[in-house]
Amino acid sequence: MIRRPAMDRRAGWIPWLFVGLFGIVVAVNGVMIWLAVGTFPGLVTDRPYDRGLAYNRNLEAAAAQEALGWEARLAARLEGPTTALFELELRDRDGLPVDHAEVRAEVRRPVGTGLDFDLVLEPIGPGRYRAATAMPQLGAWDVHLVVERGLALFVVDQRFVLR
C-alpha cells in the first residue's frame, strides 16, 4: 500500500471547489435567463415588421424634408402648475415665415404608457403656431411634430422636461 503525503489528502477538496463554483455560476445564469425571458416581451415598438418595411420611405421623406430647407424652433414651457404651452416658429430657407400649415403634435411619455396624447397647434401669427394643454404629469416628454402644407411634409422630434 502506498501512502500519500498528508498535504495531498488535505488539498483533495480544491478541484471540487472549482466544480462547485462553476455550478453556482451556471445556476445563477440560468435563473437570470429565466427571469429575462419571463419579464420582457422582446418588443420595443409596435408592429416592428411594418416599421422595418417603411425604412426606405423614411429615407425618402428625410431627403424631401432636407430639400425643403425649413427651420423649426419648438418650445414648451409651463404656464401654470400643470398647463403646458407648446409654441412653434417655422421659417423657410430664405427666413420667411411658413404660413397656412397644419401642425399636429404627438406628445409621448418616454417611460411608461397610458399618458400619451395628441395636440393640434393653431396659427397665432406669421409662421407661428401654439397649443396649450393640461399635462397629465410633469417630467420628460417626447414631442413628434408633423407639419403639412400642401404636399410638403416636415417632421420634428424633440424631448422636453417640464418641471
N, C-alpha and C. Protein backbone atom coordinates (compact mmCIF):
# COMPACT_ATOMS: atom_id res chain seq x y z
N MET A 1 0.83 -1.16 0.00
CA MET A 1 0.00 0.00 0.00
C MET A 1 0.88 1.24 0.00
N ILE A 2 0.54 2.14 -0.88
CA ILE A 2 1.33 3.36 -0.99
C ILE A 2 0.66 4.43 -0.15
N ARG A 3 1.48 5.07 0.63
CA ARG A 3 0.97 6.16 1.47
C ARG A 3 1.14 7.48 0.76
N ARG A 4 0.10 8.29 0.83
CA ARG A 4 0.18 9.63 0.27
C ARG A 4 0.62 10.58 1.34
N PRO A 5 1.32 11.58 0.93
CA PRO A 5 1.71 12.58 1.93
C PRO A 5 0.47 13.29 2.48
N ALA A 6 0.58 13.81 3.68
CA ALA A 6 -0.55 14.46 4.35
C ALA A 6 -1.05 15.67 3.56
N MET A 7 -0.17 16.39 2.89
CA MET A 7 -0.59 17.58 2.16
C MET A 7 -1.52 17.21 1.01
N ASP A 8 -1.30 16.10 0.33
CA ASP A 8 -2.16 15.69 -0.77
C ASP A 8 -3.56 15.38 -0.28
N ARG A 9 -3.70 14.76 0.87
CA ARG A 9 -5.03 14.45 1.40
C ARG A 9 -5.78 15.72 1.78
N ARG A 10 -5.09 16.70 2.30
CA ARG A 10 -5.76 17.94 2.68
C ARG A 10 -6.15 18.78 1.48
N ALA A 11 -5.45 18.71 0.38
CA ALA A 11 -5.72 19.53 -0.81
C ALA A 11 -6.69 18.84 -1.78
N GLY A 12 -7.20 17.67 -1.47
CA GLY A 12 -8.08 16.93 -2.36
C GLY A 12 -9.42 17.61 -2.60
N TRP A 13 -9.83 18.52 -1.77
CA TRP A 13 -11.11 19.22 -1.92
C TRP A 13 -11.04 20.37 -2.91
N ILE A 14 -9.84 20.84 -3.28
CA ILE A 14 -9.68 22.00 -4.15
C ILE A 14 -10.33 21.80 -5.52
N PRO A 15 -10.15 20.69 -6.22
CA PRO A 15 -10.85 20.52 -7.51
C PRO A 15 -12.37 20.56 -7.35
N TRP A 16 -12.86 20.01 -6.25
CA TRP A 16 -14.31 20.05 -6.02
C TRP A 16 -14.80 21.48 -5.76
N LEU A 17 -13.95 22.31 -5.21
CA LEU A 17 -14.30 23.71 -5.01
C LEU A 17 -14.53 24.39 -6.36
N PHE A 18 -13.63 24.13 -7.33
CA PHE A 18 -13.81 24.70 -8.67
C PHE A 18 -15.09 24.20 -9.33
N VAL A 19 -15.36 22.93 -9.20
CA VAL A 19 -16.58 22.36 -9.79
C VAL A 19 -17.81 23.02 -9.13
N GLY A 20 -17.77 23.16 -7.81
CA GLY A 20 -18.90 23.78 -7.11
C GLY A 20 -19.10 25.24 -7.51
N LEU A 21 -18.02 26.00 -7.63
CA LEU A 21 -18.14 27.41 -8.02
C LEU A 21 -18.69 27.54 -9.44
N PHE A 22 -18.23 26.71 -10.36
CA PHE A 22 -18.79 26.75 -11.71
C PHE A 22 -20.26 26.35 -11.72
N GLY A 23 -20.61 25.42 -10.86
CA GLY A 23 -22.03 25.04 -10.75
C GLY A 23 -22.89 26.20 -10.27
N ILE A 24 -22.38 26.96 -9.32
CA ILE A 24 -23.11 28.13 -8.84
C ILE A 24 -23.27 29.16 -9.96
N VAL A 25 -22.21 29.42 -10.73
CA VAL A 25 -22.27 30.37 -11.84
C VAL A 25 -23.31 29.92 -12.86
N VAL A 26 -23.32 28.65 -13.22
CA VAL A 26 -24.29 28.13 -14.18
C VAL A 26 -25.71 28.27 -13.63
N ALA A 27 -25.91 27.98 -12.37
CA ALA A 27 -27.25 28.10 -11.77
C ALA A 27 -27.72 29.55 -11.75
N VAL A 28 -26.86 30.48 -11.38
CA VAL A 28 -27.23 31.90 -11.35
C VAL A 28 -27.55 32.39 -12.76
N ASN A 29 -26.73 32.00 -13.74
CA ASN A 29 -27.01 32.40 -15.13
C ASN A 29 -28.33 31.82 -15.60
N GLY A 30 -28.65 30.61 -15.23
CA GLY A 30 -29.93 30.00 -15.61
C GLY A 30 -31.10 30.79 -15.02
N VAL A 31 -30.99 31.20 -13.76
CA VAL A 31 -32.05 31.99 -13.13
C VAL A 31 -32.18 33.34 -13.83
N MET A 32 -31.07 34.00 -14.16
CA MET A 32 -31.12 35.29 -14.83
C MET A 32 -31.76 35.17 -16.22
N ILE A 33 -31.43 34.14 -16.96
CA ILE A 33 -32.04 33.92 -18.28
C ILE A 33 -33.53 33.69 -18.12
N TRP A 34 -33.91 32.88 -17.17
CA TRP A 34 -35.34 32.60 -16.94
C TRP A 34 -36.09 33.89 -16.60
N LEU A 35 -35.52 34.73 -15.74
CA LEU A 35 -36.16 36.00 -15.39
C LEU A 35 -36.23 36.95 -16.58
N ALA A 36 -35.18 37.01 -17.38
CA ALA A 36 -35.17 37.91 -18.53
C ALA A 36 -36.21 37.50 -19.56
N VAL A 37 -36.30 36.24 -19.85
CA VAL A 37 -37.27 35.77 -20.84
C VAL A 37 -38.69 35.92 -20.32
N GLY A 38 -38.89 35.73 -19.03
CA GLY A 38 -40.22 35.78 -18.47
C GLY A 38 -40.77 37.17 -18.23
N THR A 39 -39.91 38.19 -18.16
CA THR A 39 -40.40 39.52 -17.81
C THR A 39 -40.34 40.53 -18.94
N PHE A 40 -39.62 40.26 -20.02
CA PHE A 40 -39.52 41.22 -21.13
C PHE A 40 -40.03 40.57 -22.40
N PRO A 41 -41.02 41.19 -23.06
CA PRO A 41 -41.58 40.56 -24.24
C PRO A 41 -40.66 40.59 -25.45
N GLY A 42 -39.62 41.41 -25.42
CA GLY A 42 -38.69 41.47 -26.53
C GLY A 42 -39.02 42.50 -27.58
N LEU A 43 -40.19 43.13 -27.49
CA LEU A 43 -40.59 44.14 -28.47
C LEU A 43 -40.40 45.53 -27.86
N VAL A 44 -39.78 46.40 -28.61
CA VAL A 44 -39.63 47.77 -28.15
C VAL A 44 -40.50 48.72 -28.98
N THR A 45 -41.17 48.21 -29.98
CA THR A 45 -42.04 49.02 -30.82
C THR A 45 -43.23 48.19 -31.28
N ASP A 46 -44.33 48.85 -31.52
CA ASP A 46 -45.48 48.15 -32.08
C ASP A 46 -45.22 47.88 -33.55
N ARG A 47 -45.65 46.74 -34.03
CA ARG A 47 -45.54 46.35 -35.44
C ARG A 47 -44.12 46.55 -35.98
N PRO A 48 -43.11 45.87 -35.42
CA PRO A 48 -41.73 46.09 -35.87
C PRO A 48 -41.51 45.72 -37.34
N TYR A 49 -42.20 44.70 -37.83
CA TYR A 49 -42.03 44.30 -39.23
C TYR A 49 -42.48 45.41 -40.17
N ASP A 50 -43.65 45.98 -39.89
CA ASP A 50 -44.17 47.07 -40.73
C ASP A 50 -43.26 48.28 -40.68
N ARG A 51 -42.72 48.57 -39.52
CA ARG A 51 -41.83 49.72 -39.40
C ARG A 51 -40.53 49.48 -40.16
N GLY A 52 -40.08 48.24 -40.17
CA GLY A 52 -38.88 47.92 -40.94
C GLY A 52 -39.11 48.07 -42.43
N LEU A 53 -40.29 47.69 -42.90
CA LEU A 53 -40.60 47.84 -44.32
C LEU A 53 -40.67 49.30 -44.73
N ALA A 54 -41.00 50.16 -43.80
CA ALA A 54 -41.14 51.59 -44.09
C ALA A 54 -39.80 52.33 -44.08
N TYR A 55 -38.72 51.62 -43.89
CA TYR A 55 -37.41 52.26 -43.75
C TYR A 55 -37.04 53.10 -44.98
N ASN A 56 -37.20 52.54 -46.19
CA ASN A 56 -36.86 53.29 -47.40
C ASN A 56 -37.76 54.50 -47.58
N ARG A 57 -39.03 54.36 -47.24
CA ARG A 57 -39.93 55.52 -47.31
C ARG A 57 -39.46 56.60 -46.34
N ASN A 58 -38.98 56.20 -45.18
CA ASN A 58 -38.48 57.18 -44.21
C ASN A 58 -37.24 57.90 -44.74
N LEU A 59 -36.37 57.17 -45.43
CA LEU A 59 -35.18 57.80 -46.01
C LEU A 59 -35.58 58.81 -47.10
N GLU A 60 -36.55 58.44 -47.92
CA GLU A 60 -37.02 59.35 -48.97
C GLU A 60 -37.67 60.59 -48.35
N ALA A 61 -38.44 60.39 -47.29
CA ALA A 61 -39.09 61.53 -46.62
C ALA A 61 -38.04 62.45 -45.99
N ALA A 62 -36.98 61.88 -45.44
CA ALA A 62 -35.92 62.70 -44.85
C ALA A 62 -35.22 63.53 -45.92
N ALA A 63 -35.00 62.94 -47.09
CA ALA A 63 -34.37 63.69 -48.19
C ALA A 63 -35.29 64.81 -48.67
N ALA A 64 -36.59 64.53 -48.76
CA ALA A 64 -37.55 65.57 -49.18
C ALA A 64 -37.61 66.69 -48.15
N GLN A 65 -37.55 66.35 -46.87
CA GLN A 65 -37.57 67.37 -45.82
C GLN A 65 -36.31 68.22 -45.90
N GLU A 66 -35.19 67.60 -46.15
CA GLU A 66 -33.93 68.34 -46.29
C GLU A 66 -34.01 69.32 -47.46
N ALA A 67 -34.64 68.89 -48.55
CA ALA A 67 -34.77 69.75 -49.74
C ALA A 67 -35.66 70.96 -49.47
N LEU A 68 -36.62 70.82 -48.54
CA LEU A 68 -37.48 71.96 -48.21
C LEU A 68 -36.68 73.11 -47.61
N GLY A 69 -35.73 72.77 -46.76
CA GLY A 69 -34.91 73.80 -46.13
C GLY A 69 -35.61 74.56 -45.02
N TRP A 70 -36.72 74.02 -44.52
CA TRP A 70 -37.43 74.69 -43.45
C TRP A 70 -36.65 74.58 -42.14
N GLU A 71 -36.83 75.58 -41.29
CA GLU A 71 -36.21 75.58 -39.97
C GLU A 71 -37.31 75.75 -38.93
N ALA A 72 -37.31 74.87 -37.95
CA ALA A 72 -38.35 74.92 -36.92
C ALA A 72 -37.71 75.13 -35.55
N ARG A 73 -38.34 75.99 -34.77
CA ARG A 73 -37.96 76.17 -33.37
C ARG A 73 -39.18 75.86 -32.53
N LEU A 74 -39.09 74.75 -31.83
CA LEU A 74 -40.19 74.29 -30.99
C LEU A 74 -39.82 74.53 -29.53
N ALA A 75 -40.74 75.10 -28.78
CA ALA A 75 -40.51 75.38 -27.36
C ALA A 75 -41.71 74.89 -26.56
N ALA A 76 -41.44 74.45 -25.34
CA ALA A 76 -42.50 74.05 -24.43
C ALA A 76 -42.16 74.60 -23.05
N ARG A 77 -43.19 75.14 -22.39
CA ARG A 77 -42.96 75.67 -21.04
C ARG A 77 -44.27 75.56 -20.25
N LEU A 78 -44.12 75.58 -18.94
CA LEU A 78 -45.29 75.55 -18.08
C LEU A 78 -45.86 76.94 -17.93
N GLU A 79 -47.18 77.06 -18.04
CA GLU A 79 -47.88 78.33 -17.86
C GLU A 79 -48.62 78.37 -16.53
N GLY A 80 -48.68 77.27 -15.86
CA GLY A 80 -49.34 77.15 -14.57
C GLY A 80 -48.81 75.90 -13.91
N PRO A 81 -49.46 75.43 -12.86
CA PRO A 81 -48.94 74.24 -12.19
C PRO A 81 -48.89 73.01 -13.10
N THR A 82 -49.88 72.85 -13.98
CA THR A 82 -49.89 71.68 -14.86
C THR A 82 -50.22 72.02 -16.31
N THR A 83 -50.33 73.29 -16.64
CA THR A 83 -50.67 73.68 -18.01
C THR A 83 -49.39 73.97 -18.79
N ALA A 84 -49.24 73.29 -19.91
CA ALA A 84 -48.06 73.48 -20.75
C ALA A 84 -48.45 74.23 -22.02
N LEU A 85 -47.53 75.04 -22.49
CA LEU A 85 -47.72 75.80 -23.71
C LEU A 85 -46.66 75.35 -24.71
N PHE A 86 -47.10 74.86 -25.86
CA PHE A 86 -46.21 74.44 -26.93
C PHE A 86 -46.25 75.49 -28.03
N GLU A 87 -45.09 76.00 -28.42
CA GLU A 87 -45.02 77.03 -29.45
C GLU A 87 -44.01 76.62 -30.51
N LEU A 88 -44.40 76.88 -31.77
CA LEU A 88 -43.55 76.56 -32.91
C LEU A 88 -43.36 77.80 -33.76
N GLU A 89 -42.11 78.06 -34.13
CA GLU A 89 -41.81 79.10 -35.12
C GLU A 89 -41.20 78.39 -36.31
N LEU A 90 -41.81 78.58 -37.49
CA LEU A 90 -41.42 77.85 -38.68
C LEU A 90 -41.05 78.82 -39.79
N ARG A 91 -39.84 78.65 -40.34
CA ARG A 91 -39.35 79.53 -41.41
C ARG A 91 -38.82 78.69 -42.57
N ASP A 92 -38.88 79.27 -43.77
CA ASP A 92 -38.36 78.57 -44.94
C ASP A 92 -36.87 78.86 -45.10
N ARG A 93 -36.27 78.37 -46.19
CA ARG A 93 -34.82 78.52 -46.37
C ARG A 93 -34.39 79.98 -46.50
N ASP A 94 -35.30 80.86 -46.90
CA ASP A 94 -34.98 82.28 -47.03
C ASP A 94 -35.28 83.07 -45.76
N GLY A 95 -35.73 82.38 -44.71
CA GLY A 95 -36.04 83.05 -43.45
C GLY A 95 -37.45 83.62 -43.38
N LEU A 96 -38.26 83.34 -44.40
CA LEU A 96 -39.63 83.84 -44.41
C LEU A 96 -40.53 82.89 -43.64
N PRO A 97 -41.57 83.40 -42.97
CA PRO A 97 -42.45 82.53 -42.19
C PRO A 97 -43.23 81.57 -43.09
N VAL A 98 -43.43 80.36 -42.59
CA VAL A 98 -44.23 79.35 -43.29
C VAL A 98 -45.63 79.41 -42.71
N ASP A 99 -46.57 79.92 -43.51
CA ASP A 99 -47.96 80.07 -43.08
C ASP A 99 -48.84 78.99 -43.71
N HIS A 100 -50.09 78.96 -43.25
CA HIS A 100 -51.13 78.08 -43.80
C HIS A 100 -50.73 76.61 -43.75
N ALA A 101 -50.14 76.21 -42.66
CA ALA A 101 -49.75 74.81 -42.48
C ALA A 101 -50.62 74.17 -41.41
N GLU A 102 -50.78 72.87 -41.52
CA GLU A 102 -51.45 72.08 -40.47
C GLU A 102 -50.35 71.51 -39.58
N VAL A 103 -50.45 71.78 -38.28
CA VAL A 103 -49.41 71.36 -37.35
C VAL A 103 -50.04 70.46 -36.28
N ARG A 104 -49.55 69.22 -36.21
CA ARG A 104 -50.01 68.26 -35.21
C ARG A 104 -48.81 67.80 -34.38
N ALA A 105 -49.06 67.55 -33.12
CA ALA A 105 -48.00 67.06 -32.24
C ALA A 105 -48.49 65.81 -31.52
N GLU A 106 -47.64 64.80 -31.53
CA GLU A 106 -47.87 63.60 -30.71
C GLU A 106 -46.95 63.74 -29.50
N VAL A 107 -47.55 63.85 -28.33
CA VAL A 107 -46.78 64.04 -27.11
C VAL A 107 -46.76 62.71 -26.37
N ARG A 108 -45.57 62.15 -26.21
CA ARG A 108 -45.41 60.80 -25.67
C ARG A 108 -44.51 60.82 -24.44
N ARG A 109 -44.88 60.01 -23.47
CA ARG A 109 -44.07 59.83 -22.27
C ARG A 109 -42.98 58.81 -22.59
N PRO A 110 -41.69 59.15 -22.42
CA PRO A 110 -40.64 58.18 -22.78
C PRO A 110 -40.61 56.96 -21.87
N VAL A 111 -41.19 57.08 -20.68
CA VAL A 111 -41.22 55.95 -19.77
C VAL A 111 -42.68 55.65 -19.45
N GLY A 112 -43.10 54.44 -19.72
CA GLY A 112 -44.47 54.06 -19.41
C GLY A 112 -45.42 54.37 -20.55
N THR A 113 -46.65 53.95 -20.35
CA THR A 113 -47.68 54.15 -21.36
C THR A 113 -48.94 54.65 -20.69
N GLY A 114 -49.90 55.05 -21.51
CA GLY A 114 -51.19 55.46 -20.98
C GLY A 114 -51.36 56.94 -20.76
N LEU A 115 -50.29 57.72 -20.86
CA LEU A 115 -50.39 59.16 -20.65
C LEU A 115 -50.20 59.95 -21.94
N ASP A 116 -49.97 59.26 -23.06
CA ASP A 116 -49.71 59.92 -24.33
C ASP A 116 -50.96 60.63 -24.85
N PHE A 117 -50.74 61.72 -25.60
CA PHE A 117 -51.86 62.45 -26.17
C PHE A 117 -51.41 63.19 -27.43
N ASP A 118 -52.38 63.65 -28.21
CA ASP A 118 -52.11 64.40 -29.44
C ASP A 118 -52.61 65.83 -29.29
N LEU A 119 -51.97 66.75 -30.00
CA LEU A 119 -52.33 68.16 -29.98
C LEU A 119 -52.40 68.69 -31.41
N VAL A 120 -53.20 69.72 -31.62
CA VAL A 120 -53.20 70.48 -32.86
C VAL A 120 -52.75 71.89 -32.50
N LEU A 121 -51.67 72.35 -33.12
CA LEU A 121 -51.17 73.69 -32.88
C LEU A 121 -51.86 74.64 -33.86
N GLU A 122 -52.44 75.68 -33.32
CA GLU A 122 -53.19 76.66 -34.11
C GLU A 122 -52.29 77.82 -34.49
N PRO A 123 -52.51 78.43 -35.68
CA PRO A 123 -51.70 79.59 -36.08
C PRO A 123 -52.01 80.81 -35.20
N ILE A 124 -50.95 81.53 -34.82
CA ILE A 124 -51.12 82.73 -33.99
C ILE A 124 -50.45 83.94 -34.62
N GLY A 125 -49.81 83.74 -35.75
CA GLY A 125 -49.13 84.84 -36.42
C GLY A 125 -48.31 84.28 -37.57
N PRO A 126 -47.60 85.13 -38.28
CA PRO A 126 -46.81 84.66 -39.41
C PRO A 126 -45.78 83.59 -39.00
N GLY A 127 -45.98 82.39 -39.46
CA GLY A 127 -45.04 81.31 -39.17
C GLY A 127 -45.02 80.85 -37.73
N ARG A 128 -46.03 81.22 -36.94
CA ARG A 128 -46.06 80.86 -35.51
C ARG A 128 -47.32 80.08 -35.21
N TYR A 129 -47.15 79.03 -34.41
CA TYR A 129 -48.26 78.14 -34.05
C TYR A 129 -48.17 77.84 -32.56
N ARG A 130 -49.34 77.60 -31.93
CA ARG A 130 -49.36 77.40 -30.48
C ARG A 130 -50.49 76.47 -30.07
N ALA A 131 -50.25 75.74 -28.97
CA ALA A 131 -51.28 74.92 -28.33
C ALA A 131 -51.00 74.89 -26.84
N ALA A 132 -52.05 74.98 -26.04
CA ALA A 132 -51.95 74.86 -24.59
C ALA A 132 -52.72 73.62 -24.17
N THR A 133 -52.20 72.92 -23.17
CA THR A 133 -52.87 71.71 -22.71
C THR A 133 -52.51 71.44 -21.26
N ALA A 134 -53.40 70.72 -20.59
CA ALA A 134 -53.12 70.26 -19.23
C ALA A 134 -52.27 69.00 -19.32
N MET A 135 -51.15 69.00 -18.64
CA MET A 135 -50.25 67.85 -18.67
C MET A 135 -50.66 66.83 -17.62
N PRO A 136 -50.74 65.55 -17.99
CA PRO A 136 -51.11 64.53 -17.02
C PRO A 136 -50.06 64.35 -15.92
N GLN A 137 -48.79 64.60 -16.28
CA GLN A 137 -47.69 64.53 -15.31
C GLN A 137 -46.60 65.48 -15.76
N LEU A 138 -45.82 65.95 -14.81
CA LEU A 138 -44.64 66.74 -15.14
C LEU A 138 -43.48 65.79 -15.39
N GLY A 139 -42.42 66.29 -15.97
CA GLY A 139 -41.25 65.46 -16.24
C GLY A 139 -40.91 65.45 -17.71
N ALA A 140 -40.27 64.37 -18.16
CA ALA A 140 -39.80 64.26 -19.53
C ALA A 140 -40.92 63.84 -20.48
N TRP A 141 -40.96 64.50 -21.64
CA TRP A 141 -41.93 64.21 -22.69
C TRP A 141 -41.24 64.31 -24.05
N ASP A 142 -41.57 63.38 -24.95
CA ASP A 142 -41.09 63.42 -26.33
C ASP A 142 -42.21 63.97 -27.21
N VAL A 143 -41.85 64.95 -28.04
CA VAL A 143 -42.83 65.56 -28.94
C VAL A 143 -42.44 65.22 -30.38
N HIS A 144 -43.38 64.59 -31.08
CA HIS A 144 -43.20 64.28 -32.51
C HIS A 144 -44.14 65.23 -33.25
N LEU A 145 -43.56 66.23 -33.88
CA LEU A 145 -44.31 67.29 -34.54
C LEU A 145 -44.37 67.02 -36.04
N VAL A 146 -45.57 67.09 -36.60
CA VAL A 146 -45.77 66.88 -38.04
C VAL A 146 -46.40 68.15 -38.61
N VAL A 147 -45.72 68.75 -39.59
CA VAL A 147 -46.19 69.96 -40.26
C VAL A 147 -46.48 69.60 -41.71
N GLU A 148 -47.71 69.91 -42.15
CA GLU A 148 -48.09 69.65 -43.54
C GLU A 148 -48.59 70.95 -44.17
N ARG A 149 -48.08 71.22 -45.35
CA ARG A 149 -48.58 72.35 -46.14
C ARG A 149 -48.57 71.89 -47.60
N GLY A 150 -49.76 71.68 -48.14
CA GLY A 150 -49.85 71.12 -49.48
C GLY A 150 -49.25 69.72 -49.48
N LEU A 151 -48.31 69.48 -50.39
CA LEU A 151 -47.63 68.18 -50.44
C LEU A 151 -46.39 68.15 -49.57
N ALA A 152 -46.00 69.29 -49.01
CA ALA A 152 -44.80 69.37 -48.19
C ALA A 152 -45.07 68.77 -46.81
N LEU A 153 -44.14 67.96 -46.35
CA LEU A 153 -44.23 67.32 -45.04
C LEU A 153 -42.94 67.59 -44.29
N PHE A 154 -43.06 68.08 -43.06
CA PHE A 154 -41.90 68.42 -42.23
C PHE A 154 -42.11 67.82 -40.86
N VAL A 155 -41.11 67.12 -40.34
CA VAL A 155 -41.22 66.41 -39.07
C VAL A 155 -40.11 66.86 -38.13
N VAL A 156 -40.47 67.08 -36.87
CA VAL A 156 -39.51 67.46 -35.84
C VAL A 156 -39.73 66.56 -34.63
N ASP A 157 -38.65 66.02 -34.09
CA ASP A 157 -38.72 65.25 -32.84
C ASP A 157 -37.86 65.95 -31.80
N GLN A 158 -38.44 66.16 -30.63
CA GLN A 158 -37.70 66.86 -29.58
C GLN A 158 -38.19 66.38 -28.22
N ARG A 159 -37.28 66.35 -27.25
CA ARG A 159 -37.62 65.98 -25.88
C ARG A 159 -37.62 67.23 -25.01
N PHE A 160 -38.62 67.31 -24.15
CA PHE A 160 -38.74 68.42 -23.20
C PHE A 160 -38.85 67.86 -21.80
N VAL A 161 -38.34 68.61 -20.84
CA VAL A 161 -38.53 68.28 -19.44
C VAL A 161 -39.31 69.44 -18.82
N LEU A 162 -40.52 69.17 -18.40
CA LEU A 162 -41.39 70.19 -17.81
C LEU A 162 -41.40 70.00 -16.31
N ARG A 163 -40.99 71.04 -15.59
CA ARG A 163 -40.93 70.97 -14.12
C ARG A 163 -41.70 72.12 -13.54
